[in-house]
Amino acid sequence: MNRILQKPTDMQGARVLILAGEYKGEQGVCLGESDQPGLWAISPDDNEEILSLAFEKDFGLLVDLSSNPKHN
């Protein structure tokens, strides 16, 4: 079965894992699209800084495997 993965168009409010930079390995929340093309505004947990990061390169979406998959 072939699946074509599409980039999410609206990740505002999604929980994320930061994969690069000073906050690598930390969780955060996506605030929406950044003012820079192709980037998203990410706020690390326990910090008021807002980062402009690229999806899949600099951050990924977190999935809660303990809940109903339809809610992810």
PDB file of N, CA and C in Angstrom:
ATOM      1  N   MET A   1       0.834  -1.170   0.000  1.00  0.00           N
ATOM      2  CA  MET A   1       0.000   0.000   0.000  1.00  0.00           C
ATOM      3  C   MET A   1       0.884   1.241   0.000  1.00  0.00           C
ATOM      4  N   ASN A   2       0.670   2.096  -0.948  1.00  0.00           N
ATOM      5  CA  ASN A   2       1.427   3.349  -1.021  1.00  0.00           C
ATOM      6  C   ASN A   2       0.685   4.440  -0.283  1.00  0.00           C
ATOM      7  N   ARG A   3       1.437   5.177   0.540  1.00  0.00           N
ATOM      8  CA  ARG A   3       0.852   6.315   1.247  1.00  0.00           C
ATOM      9  C   ARG A   3       1.630   7.563   0.872  1.00  0.00           C
ATOM     10  N   ILE A   4       0.906   8.588   0.549  1.00  0.00           N
ATOM     11  CA  ILE A   4       1.546   9.864   0.274  1.00  0.00           C
ATOM     12  C   ILE A   4       1.363  10.724   1.513  1.00  0.00           C
ATOM     13  N   LEU A   5       2.458  11.057   2.154  1.00  0.00           N
ATOM     14  CA  LEU A   5       2.404  11.879   3.355  1.00  0.00           C
ATOM     15  C   LEU A   5       2.391  13.340   2.955  1.00  0.00           C
ATOM     16  N   GLN A   6       1.447  14.064   3.492  1.00  0.00           N
ATOM     17  CA  GLN A   6       1.346  15.482   3.214  1.00  0.00           C
ATOM     18  C   GLN A   6       1.785  16.269   4.438  1.00  0.00           C
ATOM     19  N   LYS A   7       2.383  17.408   4.194  1.00  0.00           N
ATOM     20  CA  LYS A   7       2.774  18.283   5.292  1.00  0.00           C
ATOM     21  C   LYS A   7       1.512  18.863   5.922  1.00  0.00           C
ATOM     22  N   PRO A   8       1.447  18.884   7.248  1.00  0.00           N
ATOM     23  CA  PRO A   8       0.288  19.498   7.892  1.00  0.00           C
ATOM     24  C   PRO A   8       0.181  20.974   7.521  1.00  0.00           C
ATOM     25  N   THR A   9      -1.043  21.432   7.342  1.00  0.00           N
ATOM     26  CA  THR A   9      -1.244  22.836   6.989  1.00  0.00           C
ATOM     27  C   THR A   9      -1.589  23.683   8.200  1.00  0.00           C
ATOM     28  N   ASP A  10      -2.056  23.051   9.277  1.00  0.00           N
ATOM     29  CA  ASP A  10      -2.371  23.809  10.484  1.00  0.00           C
ATOM     30  C   ASP A  10      -1.978  22.988  11.703  1.00  0.00           C
ATOM     31  N   MET A  11      -0.873  23.357  12.306  1.00  0.00           N
ATOM     32  CA  MET A  11      -0.380  22.626  13.480  1.00  0.00           C
ATOM     33  C   MET A  11      -0.516  23.460  14.748  1.00  0.00           C
ATOM     34  N   GLN A  12      -1.229  24.573  14.674  1.00  0.00           N
ATOM     35  CA  GLN A  12      -1.371  25.443  15.833  1.00  0.00           C
ATOM     36  C   GLN A  12      -1.947  24.661  17.006  1.00  0.00           C
ATOM     37  N   GLY A  13      -1.260  24.736  18.150  1.00  0.00           N
ATOM     38  CA  GLY A  13      -1.688  24.044  19.356  1.00  0.00           C
ATOM     39  C   GLY A  13      -1.141  22.638  19.507  1.00  0.00           C
ATOM     40  N   ALA A  14      -0.475  22.124  18.476  1.00  0.00           N
ATOM     41  CA  ALA A  14       0.060  20.755  18.521  1.00  0.00           C
ATOM     42  C   ALA A  14       1.270  20.680  19.444  1.00  0.00           C
ATOM     43  N   ARG A  15       1.380  19.570  20.157  1.00  0.00           N
ATOM     44  CA  ARG A  15       2.557  19.306  20.984  1.00  0.00           C
ATOM     45  C   ARG A  15       3.678  18.826  20.065  1.00  0.00           C
ATOM     46  N   VAL A  16       4.896  19.308  20.318  1.00  0.00           N
ATOM     47  CA  VAL A  16       6.022  18.991  19.447  1.00  0.00           C
ATOM     48  C   VAL A  16       7.252  18.584  20.256  1.00  0.00           C
ATOM     49  N   LEU A  17       8.178  17.926  19.583  1.00  0.00           N
ATOM     50  CA  LEU A  17       9.491  17.604  20.132  1.00  0.00           C
ATOM     51  C   LEU A  17      10.511  18.359  19.296  1.00  0.00           C
ATOM     52  N   ILE A  18      11.326  19.157  19.957  1.00  0.00           N
ATOM     53  CA  ILE A  18      12.338  19.959  19.267  1.00  0.00           C
ATOM     54  C   ILE A  18      13.544  19.066  18.985  1.00  0.00           C
ATOM     55  N   LEU A  19      13.978  19.046  17.719  1.00  0.00           N
ATOM     56  CA  LEU A  19      15.030  18.133  17.270  1.00  0.00           C
ATOM     57  C   LEU A  19      16.377  18.804  17.035  1.00  0.00           C
ATOM     58  N   ALA A  20      16.430  20.135  17.083  1.00  0.00           N
ATOM     59  CA  ALA A  20      17.675  20.840  16.771  1.00  0.00           C
ATOM     60  C   ALA A  20      17.822  22.093  17.625  1.00  0.00           C
ATOM     61  N   GLY A  21      19.048  22.541  17.737  1.00  0.00           N
ATOM     62  CA  GLY A  21      19.321  23.807  18.417  1.00  0.00           C
ATOM     63  C   GLY A  21      19.453  23.688  19.920  1.00  0.00           C
ATOM     64  N   GLU A  22      19.385  24.819  20.572  1.00  0.00           N
ATOM     65  CA  GLU A  22      19.590  24.931  22.012  1.00  0.00           C
ATOM     66  C   GLU A  22      18.586  24.095  22.819  1.00  0.00           C
ATOM     67  N   TYR A  23      17.378  23.943  22.301  1.00  0.00           N
ATOM     68  CA  TYR A  23      16.323  23.227  23.030  1.00  0.00           C
ATOM     69  C   TYR A  23      16.114  21.798  22.527  1.00  0.00           C
ATOM     70  N   LYS A  24      17.096  21.253  21.834  1.00  0.00           N
ATOM     71  CA  LYS A  24      17.016  19.895  21.292  1.00  0.00           C
ATOM     72  C   LYS A  24      16.649  18.903  22.404  1.00  0.00           C
ATOM     73  N   GLY A  25      15.639  18.068  22.117  1.00  0.00           N
ATOM     74  CA  GLY A  25      15.208  17.062  23.081  1.00  0.00           C
ATOM     75  C   GLY A  25      14.091  17.534  23.995  1.00  0.00           C
ATOM     76  N   GLU A  26      13.755  18.807  23.948  1.00  0.00           N
ATOM     77  CA  GLU A  26      12.689  19.341  24.797  1.00  0.00           C
ATOM     78  C   GLU A  26      11.364  19.368  24.044  1.00  0.00           C
ATOM     79  N   GLN A  27      10.282  19.358  24.814  1.00  0.00           N
ATOM     80  CA  GLN A  27       8.959  19.450  24.232  1.00  0.00           C
ATOM     81  C   GLN A  27       8.508  20.905  24.204  1.00  0.00           C
ATOM     82  N   GLY A  28       7.521  21.166  23.359  1.00  0.00           N
ATOM     83  CA  GLY A  28       6.978  22.505  23.264  1.00  0.00           C
ATOM     84  C   GLY A  28       5.623  22.467  22.595  1.00  0.00           C
ATOM     85  N   VAL A  29       5.171  23.635  22.187  1.00  0.00           N
ATOM     86  CA  VAL A  29       3.875  23.753  21.522  1.00  0.00           C
ATOM     87  C   VAL A  29       4.044  24.618  20.277  1.00  0.00           C
ATOM     88  N   CYS A  30       3.322  24.246  19.221  1.00  0.00           N
ATOM     89  CA  CYS A  30       3.340  25.018  17.985  1.00  0.00           C
ATOM     90  C   CYS A  30       2.332  26.162  18.107  1.00  0.00           C
ATOM     91  N   LEU A  31       2.788  27.368  17.855  1.00  0.00           N
ATOM     92  CA  LEU A  31       1.935  28.545  17.945  1.00  0.00           C
ATOM     93  C   LEU A  31       1.308  28.907  16.599  1.00  0.00           C
ATOM     94  N   GLY A  32       1.725  28.239  15.547  1.00  0.00           N
ATOM     95  CA  GLY A  32       1.211  28.510  14.202  1.00  0.00           C
ATOM     96  C   GLY A  32       2.356  28.787  13.247  1.00  0.00           C
ATOM     97  N   GLU A  33       2.005  29.229  12.060  1.00  0.00           N
ATOM     98  CA  GLU A  33       3.025  29.517  11.057  1.00  0.00           C
ATOM     99  C   GLU A  33       3.843  30.736  11.461  1.00  0.00           C
ATOM    100  N   SER A  34       5.126  30.669  11.185  1.00  0.00           N
ATOM    101  CA  SER A  34       6.030  31.782  11.457  1.00  0.00           C
ATOM    102  C   SER A  34       5.872  32.834  10.366  1.00  0.00           C
ATOM    103  N   ASP A  35       6.400  34.016  10.606  1.00  0.00           N
ATOM    104  CA  ASP A  35       6.380  35.048   9.568  1.00  0.00           C
ATOM    105  C   ASP A  35       7.424  34.774   8.497  1.00  0.00           C
ATOM    106  N   GLN A  36       8.269  33.758   8.724  1.00  0.00           N
ATOM    107  CA  GLN A  36       9.272  33.352   7.749  1.00  0.00           C
ATOM    108  C   GLN A  36       8.734  32.164   6.950  1.00  0.00           C
ATOM    109  N   PRO A  37       8.754  32.223   5.621  1.00  0.00           N
ATOM    110  CA  PRO A  37       8.187  31.159   4.786  1.00  0.00           C
ATOM    111  C   PRO A  37       8.760  29.779   5.115  1.00  0.00           C
ATOM    112  N   GLY A  38       7.870  28.796   5.252  1.00  0.00           N
ATOM    113  CA  GLY A  38       8.285  27.419   5.488  1.00  0.00           C
ATOM    114  C   GLY A  38       8.627  27.097   6.927  1.00  0.00           C
ATOM    115  N   LEU A  39       8.500  28.056   7.829  1.00  0.00           N
ATOM    116  CA  LEU A  39       8.850  27.825   9.226  1.00  0.00           C
ATOM    117  C   LEU A  39       7.612  27.959  10.106  1.00  0.00           C
ATOM    118  N   TRP A  40       7.716  27.371  11.294  1.00  0.00           N
ATOM    119  CA  TRP A  40       6.627  27.398  12.272  1.00  0.00           C
ATOM    120  C   TRP A  40       7.137  28.020  13.562  1.00  0.00           C
ATOM    121  N   ALA A  41       6.263  28.738  14.258  1.00  0.00           N
ATOM    122  CA  ALA A  41       6.601  29.346  15.548  1.00  0.00           C
ATOM    123  C   ALA A  41       6.405  28.303  16.638  1.00  0.00           C
ATOM    124  N   ILE A  42       7.479  27.995  17.355  1.00  0.00           N
ATOM    125  CA  ILE A  42       7.476  26.967  18.392  1.00  0.00           C
ATOM    126  C   ILE A  42       7.912  27.586  19.710  1.00  0.00           C
ATOM    127  N   SER A  43       7.153  27.299  20.761  1.00  0.00           N
ATOM    128  CA  SER A  43       7.503  27.775  22.091  1.00  0.00           C
ATOM    129  C   SER A  43       7.886  26.579  22.957  1.00  0.00           C
ATOM    130  N   PRO A  44       9.154  26.493  23.386  1.00  0.00           N
ATOM    131  CA  PRO A  44       9.553  25.397  24.263  1.00  0.00           C
ATOM    132  C   PRO A  44       8.811  25.482  25.601  1.00  0.00           C
ATOM    133  N   ASP A  45       8.516  24.318  26.187  1.00  0.00           N
ATOM    134  CA  ASP A  45       7.908  24.296  27.518  1.00  0.00           C
ATOM    135  C   ASP A  45       8.862  24.970  28.503  1.00  0.00           C
ATOM    136  N   ASP A  46       8.310  25.578  29.521  1.00  0.00           N
ATOM    137  CA  ASP A  46       9.095  26.220  30.585  1.00  0.00           C
ATOM    138  C   ASP A  46       9.983  27.344  30.068  1.00  0.00           C
ATOM    139  N   ASN A  47       9.585  27.979  28.952  1.00  0.00           N
ATOM    140  CA  ASN A  47      10.365  29.072  28.405  1.00  0.00           C
ATOM    141  C   ASN A  47       9.430  29.961  27.600  1.00  0.00           C
ATOM    142  N   GLU A  48       9.664  31.246  27.619  1.00  0.00           N
ATOM    143  CA  GLU A  48       8.818  32.179  26.886  1.00  0.00           C
ATOM    144  C   GLU A  48       9.367  32.519  25.505  1.00  0.00           C
ATOM    145  N   GLU A  49      10.492  31.916  25.135  1.00  0.00           N
ATOM    146  CA  GLU A  49      11.099  32.195  23.834  1.00  0.00           C
ATOM    147  C   GLU A  49      10.242  31.585  22.720  1.00  0.00           C
ATOM    148  N   ILE A  50      10.250  32.232  21.571  1.00  0.00           N
ATOM    149  CA  ILE A  50       9.551  31.705  20.397  1.00  0.00           C
ATOM    150  C   ILE A  50      10.595  31.447  19.321  1.00  0.00           C
ATOM    151  N   LEU A  51      10.642  30.192  18.862  1.00  0.00           N
ATOM    152  CA  LEU A  51      11.609  29.767  17.866  1.00  0.00           C
ATOM    153  C   LEU A  51      10.930  29.640  16.510  1.00  0.00           C
ATOM    154  N   SER A  52      11.642  29.900  15.434  1.00  0.00           N
ATOM    155  CA  SER A  52      11.156  29.652  14.079  1.00  0.00           C
ATOM    156  C   SER A  52      11.868  28.404  13.571  1.00  0.00           C
ATOM    157  N   LEU A  53      11.106  27.308  13.453  1.00  0.00           N
ATOM    158  CA  LEU A  53      11.696  26.017  13.114  1.00  0.00           C
ATOM    159  C   LEU A  53      11.006  25.377  11.913  1.00  0.00           C
ATOM    160  N   ALA A  54      11.759  24.522  11.205  1.00  0.00           N
ATOM    161  CA  ALA A  54      11.241  23.802  10.048  1.00  0.00           C
ATOM    162  C   ALA A  54      10.688  22.450  10.495  1.00  0.00           C
ATOM    163  N   PHE A  55       9.473  22.135  10.031  1.00  0.00           N
ATOM    164  CA  PHE A  55       8.840  20.865  10.356  1.00  0.00           C
ATOM    165  C   PHE A  55       9.660  19.710   9.799  1.00  0.00           C
ATOM    166  N   GLU A  56       9.829  18.673  10.579  1.00  0.00           N
ATOM    167  CA  GLU A  56      10.549  17.432  10.324  1.00  0.00           C
ATOM    168  C   GLU A  56      12.068  17.589  10.382  1.00  0.00           C
ATOM    169  N   LYS A  57      12.598  18.769  10.110  1.00  0.00           N
ATOM    170  CA  LYS A  57      14.044  18.980  10.218  1.00  0.00           C
ATOM    171  C   LYS A  57      14.396  19.429  11.628  1.00  0.00           C
ATOM    172  N   ASP A  58      13.674  20.430  12.135  1.00  0.00           N
ATOM    173  CA  ASP A  58      13.973  21.024  13.436  1.00  0.00           C
ATOM    174  C   ASP A  58      13.022  20.590  14.545  1.00  0.00           C
ATOM    175  N   PHE A  59      11.827  20.101  14.171  1.00  0.00           N
ATOM    176  CA  PHE A  59      10.878  19.615  15.165  1.00  0.00           C
ATOM    177  C   PHE A  59       9.942  18.594  14.537  1.00  0.00           C
ATOM    178  N   GLY A  60       9.367  17.757  15.405  1.00  0.00           N
ATOM    179  CA  GLY A  60       8.386  16.762  14.967  1.00  0.00           C
ATOM    180  C   GLY A  60       7.179  16.794  15.877  1.00  0.00           C
ATOM    181  N   LEU A  61       6.082  16.239  15.403  1.00  0.00           N
ATOM    182  CA  LEU A  61       4.855  16.193  16.191  1.00  0.00           C
ATOM    183  C   LEU A  61       4.922  15.055  17.191  1.00  0.00           C
ATOM    184  N   LEU A  62       4.416  15.287  18.387  1.00  0.00           N
ATOM    185  CA  LEU A  62       4.327  14.240  19.402  1.00  0.00           C
ATOM    186  C   LEU A  62       2.999  13.516  19.250  1.00  0.00           C
ATOM    187  N   VAL A  63       3.024  12.210  19.453  1.00  0.00           N
ATOM    188  CA  VAL A  63       1.818  11.393  19.395  1.00  0.00           C
ATOM    189  C   VAL A  63       1.648  10.720  20.744  1.00  0.00           C
ATOM    190  N   ASP A  64       0.462  10.808  21.309  1.00  0.00           N
ATOM    191  CA  ASP A  64       0.160  10.183  22.598  1.00  0.00           C
ATOM    192  C   ASP A  64      -0.349   8.763  22.332  1.00  0.00           C
ATOM    193  N   LEU A  65       0.526   7.777  22.506  1.00  0.00           N
ATOM    194  CA  LEU A  65       0.159   6.389  22.229  1.00  0.00           C
ATOM    195  C   LEU A  65      -0.735   5.779  23.284  1.00  0.00           C
ATOM    196  N   SER A  66      -0.917   6.476  24.407  1.00  0.00           N
ATOM    197  CA  SER A  66      -1.780   5.932  25.474  1.00  0.00           C
ATOM    198  C   SER A  66      -3.241   6.298  25.279  1.00  0.00           C
ATOM    199  N   SER A  67      -3.517   7.136  24.286  1.00  0.00           N
ATOM    200  CA  SER A  67      -4.901   7.557  24.064  1.00  0.00           C
ATOM    201  C   SER A  67      -5.445   6.981  22.766  1.00  0.00           C
ATOM    202  N   ASN A  68      -6.692   7.257  22.505  1.00  0.00           N
ATOM    203  CA  ASN A  68      -7.337   6.825  21.289  1.00  0.00           C
ATOM    204  C   ASN A  68      -6.625   7.466  20.105  1.00  0.00           C
ATOM    205  N   PRO A  69      -6.171   6.686  19.100  1.00  0.00           N
ATOM    206  CA  PRO A  69      -5.440   7.251  17.959  1.00  0.00           C
ATOM    207  C   PRO A  69      -6.233   8.316  17.202  1.00  0.00           C
ATOM    208  N   LYS A  70      -7.542   8.270  17.265  1.00  0.00           N
ATOM    209  CA  LYS A  70      -8.344   9.275  16.576  1.00  0.00           C
ATOM    210  C   LYS A  70      -8.206  10.649  17.197  1.00  0.00           C
ATOM    211  N   HIS A  71      -7.716  10.710  18.427  1.00  0.00           N
ATOM    212  CA  HIS A  71      -7.539  11.983  19.116  1.00  0.00           C
ATOM    213  C   HIS A  71      -6.174  12.601  18.879  1.00  0.00           C
ATOM    214  N   ASN A  72      -5.285  11.899  18.188  1.00  0.00           N
ATOM    215  CA  ASN A  72      -3.947  12.428  17.891  1.00  0.00           C
ATOM    216  C   ASN A  72      -3.965  13.248  16.628  1.00  0.00           C
TER     217      ASN A  72
END
